[in-house]
Amino acid sequence: MVAPQPKVSTFGMAAALERCEPLGQLLRRLDEARSLYEAAAPLLPPALRADVRTGPVDAGCWTLLAAHNPAAAKLRQMLPLLLDKLQTEGRQVTSIRVRVQPRSPGPRG
């Protein structure tokens, strides 16, 4: 005779992260950064959008990551426009910082 298997409670990854406070905070910060990028991306020219990624949000300061210096320079020129749009939408962003972070090379094969 086979012994009955205990019931295992399963839940999704998001629920697991929410149950762990530090990871839940991280998930909320990632969602906030993603939401800010989705709101700002339509203002970016398509060529620039390809070279920009969202970074963290810390105490109202959002960081954008540019793939190279020319993209960072153009992005810095657009900061007043981006910040104005986000604040007009009621987003809790007081400043935007631009950092250059080259994309890592893909796997070689």
N, C-alpha and C. Protein backbone atom coordinates (compact mmCIF):
# COMPACT_ATOMS: atom_id res chain seq x y z
N MET A 1 0.84 -1.17 0.00
CA MET A 1 0.00 0.00 0.00
C MET A 1 0.90 1.25 0.00
N VAL A 2 0.50 2.26 -0.78
CA VAL A 2 1.27 3.50 -0.92
C VAL A 2 0.78 4.50 0.11
N ALA A 3 1.73 5.09 0.83
CA ALA A 3 1.38 6.08 1.84
C ALA A 3 0.86 7.34 1.15
N PRO A 4 -0.15 8.00 1.70
CA PRO A 4 -0.68 9.21 1.09
C PRO A 4 0.36 10.34 1.16
N GLN A 5 0.44 11.09 0.07
CA GLN A 5 1.38 12.21 0.00
C GLN A 5 0.79 13.42 0.71
N PRO A 6 1.59 14.13 1.50
CA PRO A 6 1.08 15.34 2.14
C PRO A 6 0.77 16.40 1.08
N LYS A 7 -0.25 17.20 1.36
CA LYS A 7 -0.60 18.27 0.43
C LYS A 7 0.43 19.38 0.53
N VAL A 8 0.87 19.83 -0.60
CA VAL A 8 1.85 20.90 -0.66
C VAL A 8 1.16 22.15 -1.16
N SER A 9 1.31 23.21 -0.42
CA SER A 9 0.73 24.48 -0.83
C SER A 9 1.68 25.15 -1.81
N THR A 10 1.18 25.51 -2.97
CA THR A 10 2.01 26.19 -3.95
C THR A 10 1.44 27.57 -4.21
N PHE A 11 2.32 28.49 -4.51
CA PHE A 11 1.91 29.84 -4.87
C PHE A 11 2.96 30.40 -5.80
N GLY A 12 2.61 31.45 -6.48
CA GLY A 12 3.49 32.03 -7.48
C GLY A 12 4.70 32.73 -6.90
N MET A 13 5.63 33.02 -7.77
CA MET A 13 6.86 33.69 -7.38
C MET A 13 6.58 35.06 -6.77
N ALA A 14 5.66 35.81 -7.37
CA ALA A 14 5.34 37.14 -6.84
C ALA A 14 4.81 37.04 -5.42
N ALA A 15 3.96 36.04 -5.16
CA ALA A 15 3.41 35.86 -3.81
C ALA A 15 4.54 35.51 -2.84
N ALA A 16 5.47 34.69 -3.28
CA ALA A 16 6.60 34.32 -2.42
C ALA A 16 7.45 35.55 -2.10
N LEU A 17 7.67 36.39 -3.10
CA LEU A 17 8.47 37.59 -2.87
C LEU A 17 7.76 38.56 -1.94
N GLU A 18 6.44 38.66 -2.08
CA GLU A 18 5.67 39.55 -1.21
C GLU A 18 5.71 39.09 0.24
N ARG A 19 5.81 37.79 0.47
CA ARG A 19 5.84 37.27 1.83
C ARG A 19 7.15 37.56 2.55
N CYS A 20 8.20 37.78 1.79
CA CYS A 20 9.51 38.11 2.35
C CYS A 20 9.67 39.62 2.22
N GLU A 21 9.65 40.34 3.33
CA GLU A 21 9.62 41.80 3.30
C GLU A 21 10.74 42.43 2.48
N PRO A 22 12.02 42.06 2.67
CA PRO A 22 13.06 42.71 1.86
C PRO A 22 12.88 42.44 0.36
N LEU A 23 12.52 41.22 0.01
CA LEU A 23 12.30 40.91 -1.40
C LEU A 23 11.04 41.59 -1.92
N GLY A 24 10.03 41.72 -1.08
CA GLY A 24 8.82 42.42 -1.46
C GLY A 24 9.10 43.88 -1.77
N GLN A 25 9.94 44.51 -0.95
CA GLN A 25 10.32 45.90 -1.20
C GLN A 25 11.08 46.02 -2.52
N LEU A 26 11.96 45.07 -2.78
CA LEU A 26 12.72 45.08 -4.02
C LEU A 26 11.77 44.95 -5.22
N LEU A 27 10.81 44.05 -5.12
CA LEU A 27 9.84 43.86 -6.20
C LEU A 27 9.04 45.13 -6.44
N ARG A 28 8.63 45.82 -5.38
CA ARG A 28 7.88 47.07 -5.55
C ARG A 28 8.75 48.15 -6.19
N ARG A 29 10.02 48.22 -5.83
CA ARG A 29 10.93 49.20 -6.44
C ARG A 29 11.15 48.91 -7.92
N LEU A 30 11.26 47.63 -8.26
CA LEU A 30 11.41 47.25 -9.67
C LEU A 30 10.16 47.61 -10.46
N ASP A 31 8.99 47.36 -9.88
CA ASP A 31 7.74 47.71 -10.54
C ASP A 31 7.64 49.22 -10.74
N GLU A 32 8.05 49.99 -9.73
CA GLU A 32 8.01 51.45 -9.85
C GLU A 32 8.93 51.93 -10.96
N ALA A 33 10.14 51.40 -11.02
CA ALA A 33 11.10 51.80 -12.06
C ALA A 33 10.56 51.44 -13.44
N ARG A 34 9.98 50.25 -13.56
CA ARG A 34 9.41 49.81 -14.85
C ARG A 34 8.25 50.72 -15.26
N SER A 35 7.42 51.09 -14.30
CA SER A 35 6.29 51.97 -14.58
C SER A 35 6.76 53.36 -15.03
N LEU A 36 7.79 53.89 -14.39
CA LEU A 36 8.33 55.18 -14.79
C LEU A 36 8.89 55.12 -16.21
N TYR A 37 9.58 54.04 -16.52
CA TYR A 37 10.15 53.90 -17.87
C TYR A 37 9.05 53.82 -18.92
N GLU A 38 8.00 53.07 -18.62
CA GLU A 38 6.89 52.94 -19.57
C GLU A 38 6.22 54.29 -19.81
N ALA A 39 6.17 55.14 -18.79
CA ALA A 39 5.57 56.47 -18.95
C ALA A 39 6.49 57.40 -19.74
N ALA A 40 7.79 57.28 -19.56
CA ALA A 40 8.74 58.20 -20.19
C ALA A 40 9.17 57.74 -21.59
N ALA A 41 9.16 56.46 -21.87
CA ALA A 41 9.68 55.93 -23.13
C ALA A 41 9.07 56.56 -24.38
N PRO A 42 7.77 56.84 -24.41
CA PRO A 42 7.22 57.44 -25.64
C PRO A 42 7.84 58.80 -26.00
N LEU A 43 8.45 59.48 -25.04
CA LEU A 43 9.09 60.76 -25.32
C LEU A 43 10.49 60.60 -25.92
N LEU A 44 11.05 59.41 -25.79
CA LEU A 44 12.40 59.17 -26.30
C LEU A 44 12.36 58.80 -27.78
N PRO A 45 13.28 59.36 -28.58
CA PRO A 45 13.37 58.93 -29.97
C PRO A 45 13.67 57.43 -30.02
N PRO A 46 13.12 56.72 -31.01
CA PRO A 46 13.33 55.26 -31.06
C PRO A 46 14.80 54.83 -31.00
N ALA A 47 15.68 55.55 -31.67
CA ALA A 47 17.10 55.17 -31.66
C ALA A 47 17.69 55.31 -30.26
N LEU A 48 17.26 56.34 -29.53
CA LEU A 48 17.75 56.54 -28.17
C LEU A 48 17.14 55.51 -27.23
N ARG A 49 15.87 55.21 -27.42
CA ARG A 49 15.17 54.25 -26.57
C ARG A 49 15.90 52.90 -26.55
N ALA A 50 16.49 52.54 -27.67
CA ALA A 50 17.21 51.26 -27.75
C ALA A 50 18.46 51.25 -26.88
N ASP A 51 18.97 52.44 -26.53
CA ASP A 51 20.20 52.53 -25.74
C ASP A 51 19.98 52.95 -24.30
N VAL A 52 18.73 52.92 -23.84
CA VAL A 52 18.41 53.35 -22.48
C VAL A 52 17.67 52.23 -21.75
N ARG A 53 18.07 52.01 -20.52
CA ARG A 53 17.39 51.06 -19.64
C ARG A 53 17.05 51.75 -18.34
N THR A 54 16.07 51.22 -17.65
CA THR A 54 15.71 51.80 -16.36
C THR A 54 16.66 51.30 -15.28
N GLY A 55 16.90 52.17 -14.35
CA GLY A 55 17.69 51.83 -13.18
C GLY A 55 16.82 51.97 -11.94
N PRO A 56 17.42 52.01 -10.78
CA PRO A 56 16.65 52.05 -9.53
C PRO A 56 16.01 53.40 -9.25
N VAL A 57 15.05 53.38 -8.34
CA VAL A 57 14.43 54.60 -7.81
C VAL A 57 14.79 54.63 -6.32
N ASP A 58 15.46 55.68 -5.91
CA ASP A 58 15.85 55.84 -4.50
C ASP A 58 15.45 57.21 -4.01
N ALA A 59 14.56 57.25 -3.05
CA ALA A 59 14.13 58.50 -2.40
C ALA A 59 13.73 59.56 -3.42
N GLY A 60 12.95 59.17 -4.40
CA GLY A 60 12.44 60.11 -5.39
C GLY A 60 13.39 60.41 -6.53
N CYS A 61 14.57 59.82 -6.52
CA CYS A 61 15.54 60.01 -7.60
C CYS A 61 15.58 58.75 -8.45
N TRP A 62 15.21 58.89 -9.72
CA TRP A 62 15.18 57.76 -10.65
C TRP A 62 16.47 57.77 -11.47
N THR A 63 17.07 56.62 -11.64
CA THR A 63 18.30 56.50 -12.43
C THR A 63 17.98 55.85 -13.76
N LEU A 64 18.47 56.47 -14.84
CA LEU A 64 18.38 55.89 -16.18
C LEU A 64 19.78 55.47 -16.59
N LEU A 65 19.89 54.33 -17.22
CA LEU A 65 21.18 53.78 -17.62
C LEU A 65 21.32 53.89 -19.14
N ALA A 66 22.35 54.61 -19.58
CA ALA A 66 22.61 54.79 -21.00
C ALA A 66 23.74 53.84 -21.41
N ALA A 67 23.63 53.30 -22.62
CA ALA A 67 24.61 52.32 -23.08
C ALA A 67 25.97 52.94 -23.42
N HIS A 68 25.99 54.24 -23.72
CA HIS A 68 27.25 54.89 -24.08
C HIS A 68 27.12 56.39 -23.87
N ASN A 69 28.25 57.10 -23.94
CA ASN A 69 28.27 58.54 -23.64
C ASN A 69 27.37 59.38 -24.55
N PRO A 70 27.35 59.16 -25.88
CA PRO A 70 26.45 59.98 -26.71
C PRO A 70 24.98 59.82 -26.31
N ALA A 71 24.56 58.61 -25.97
CA ALA A 71 23.18 58.40 -25.52
C ALA A 71 22.94 59.11 -24.19
N ALA A 72 23.92 59.07 -23.31
CA ALA A 72 23.78 59.75 -22.02
C ALA A 72 23.66 61.26 -22.21
N ALA A 73 24.44 61.82 -23.15
CA ALA A 73 24.39 63.26 -23.40
C ALA A 73 23.01 63.66 -23.92
N LYS A 74 22.49 62.92 -24.87
CA LYS A 74 21.16 63.22 -25.41
C LYS A 74 20.09 63.08 -24.33
N LEU A 75 20.22 62.04 -23.53
CA LEU A 75 19.27 61.80 -22.45
C LEU A 75 19.29 62.96 -21.44
N ARG A 76 20.47 63.45 -21.12
CA ARG A 76 20.58 64.57 -20.18
C ARG A 76 19.89 65.82 -20.73
N GLN A 77 19.95 66.01 -22.05
CA GLN A 77 19.25 67.14 -22.65
C GLN A 77 17.74 67.01 -22.49
N MET A 78 17.25 65.79 -22.42
CA MET A 78 15.81 65.54 -22.35
C MET A 78 15.27 65.46 -20.92
N LEU A 79 16.14 65.53 -19.92
CA LEU A 79 15.71 65.36 -18.54
C LEU A 79 14.60 66.32 -18.11
N PRO A 80 14.67 67.61 -18.44
CA PRO A 80 13.57 68.49 -18.03
C PRO A 80 12.22 68.05 -18.59
N LEU A 81 12.19 67.63 -19.85
CA LEU A 81 10.96 67.16 -20.48
C LEU A 81 10.44 65.90 -19.79
N LEU A 82 11.33 64.95 -19.53
CA LEU A 82 10.93 63.69 -18.88
C LEU A 82 10.42 63.93 -17.47
N LEU A 83 11.15 64.74 -16.72
CA LEU A 83 10.75 65.01 -15.34
C LEU A 83 9.41 65.74 -15.29
N ASP A 84 9.22 66.70 -16.19
CA ASP A 84 7.96 67.43 -16.24
C ASP A 84 6.79 66.48 -16.53
N LYS A 85 6.97 65.58 -17.48
CA LYS A 85 5.90 64.63 -17.81
C LYS A 85 5.55 63.75 -16.62
N LEU A 86 6.56 63.22 -15.97
CA LEU A 86 6.32 62.33 -14.83
C LEU A 86 5.64 63.07 -13.68
N GLN A 87 6.10 64.27 -13.40
CA GLN A 87 5.50 65.03 -12.30
C GLN A 87 4.08 65.48 -12.64
N THR A 88 3.82 65.79 -13.91
CA THR A 88 2.47 66.15 -14.34
C THR A 88 1.52 64.98 -14.15
N GLU A 89 2.03 63.77 -14.33
CA GLU A 89 1.22 62.56 -14.12
C GLU A 89 1.06 62.22 -12.64
N GLY A 90 1.70 63.00 -11.77
CA GLY A 90 1.58 62.74 -10.33
C GLY A 90 2.59 61.75 -9.79
N ARG A 91 3.60 61.42 -10.57
CA ARG A 91 4.63 60.48 -10.11
C ARG A 91 5.48 61.16 -9.04
N GLN A 92 5.93 60.39 -8.07
CA GLN A 92 6.72 60.91 -6.95
C GLN A 92 8.21 60.89 -7.29
N VAL A 93 8.58 61.60 -8.35
CA VAL A 93 9.98 61.69 -8.78
C VAL A 93 10.41 63.14 -8.66
N THR A 94 11.50 63.37 -7.92
CA THR A 94 11.99 64.73 -7.75
C THR A 94 13.19 65.02 -8.65
N SER A 95 13.88 63.97 -9.09
CA SER A 95 15.02 64.16 -9.99
C SER A 95 15.27 62.87 -10.77
N ILE A 96 16.01 63.04 -11.87
CA ILE A 96 16.41 61.90 -12.69
C ILE A 96 17.92 61.99 -12.88
N ARG A 97 18.58 60.88 -12.65
CA ARG A 97 20.03 60.79 -12.79
C ARG A 97 20.32 59.90 -14.00
N VAL A 98 21.39 60.22 -14.72
CA VAL A 98 21.80 59.42 -15.87
C VAL A 98 23.18 58.84 -15.58
N ARG A 99 23.30 57.55 -15.77
CA ARG A 99 24.58 56.85 -15.61
C ARG A 99 24.90 56.11 -16.90
N VAL A 100 26.16 56.04 -17.24
CA VAL A 100 26.59 55.26 -18.40
C VAL A 100 26.92 53.86 -17.91
N GLN A 101 26.25 52.89 -18.48
CA GLN A 101 26.50 51.50 -18.15
C GLN A 101 26.44 50.70 -19.45
N PRO A 102 27.60 50.47 -20.06
CA PRO A 102 27.61 49.73 -21.33
C PRO A 102 26.95 48.36 -21.17
N ARG A 103 26.27 47.96 -22.21
CA ARG A 103 25.65 46.63 -22.18
C ARG A 103 26.75 45.59 -22.21
N SER A 104 26.55 44.54 -21.45
CA SER A 104 27.54 43.47 -21.43
C SER A 104 27.45 42.71 -22.75
N PRO A 105 28.57 42.25 -23.25
CA PRO A 105 28.55 41.52 -24.51
C PRO A 105 27.77 40.22 -24.36
N GLY A 106 27.11 39.83 -25.39
CA GLY A 106 26.32 38.60 -25.37
C GLY A 106 27.22 37.38 -25.31
N PRO A 107 26.63 36.22 -25.09
CA PRO A 107 27.43 34.99 -25.04
C PRO A 107 28.10 34.71 -26.39
N ARG A 108 29.28 34.22 -26.30
CA ARG A 108 30.02 33.91 -27.53
C ARG A 108 29.79 32.45 -27.87
N GLY A 109 29.70 32.20 -29.14
CA GLY A 109 29.49 30.81 -29.49
C GLY A 109 29.69 30.47 -30.87
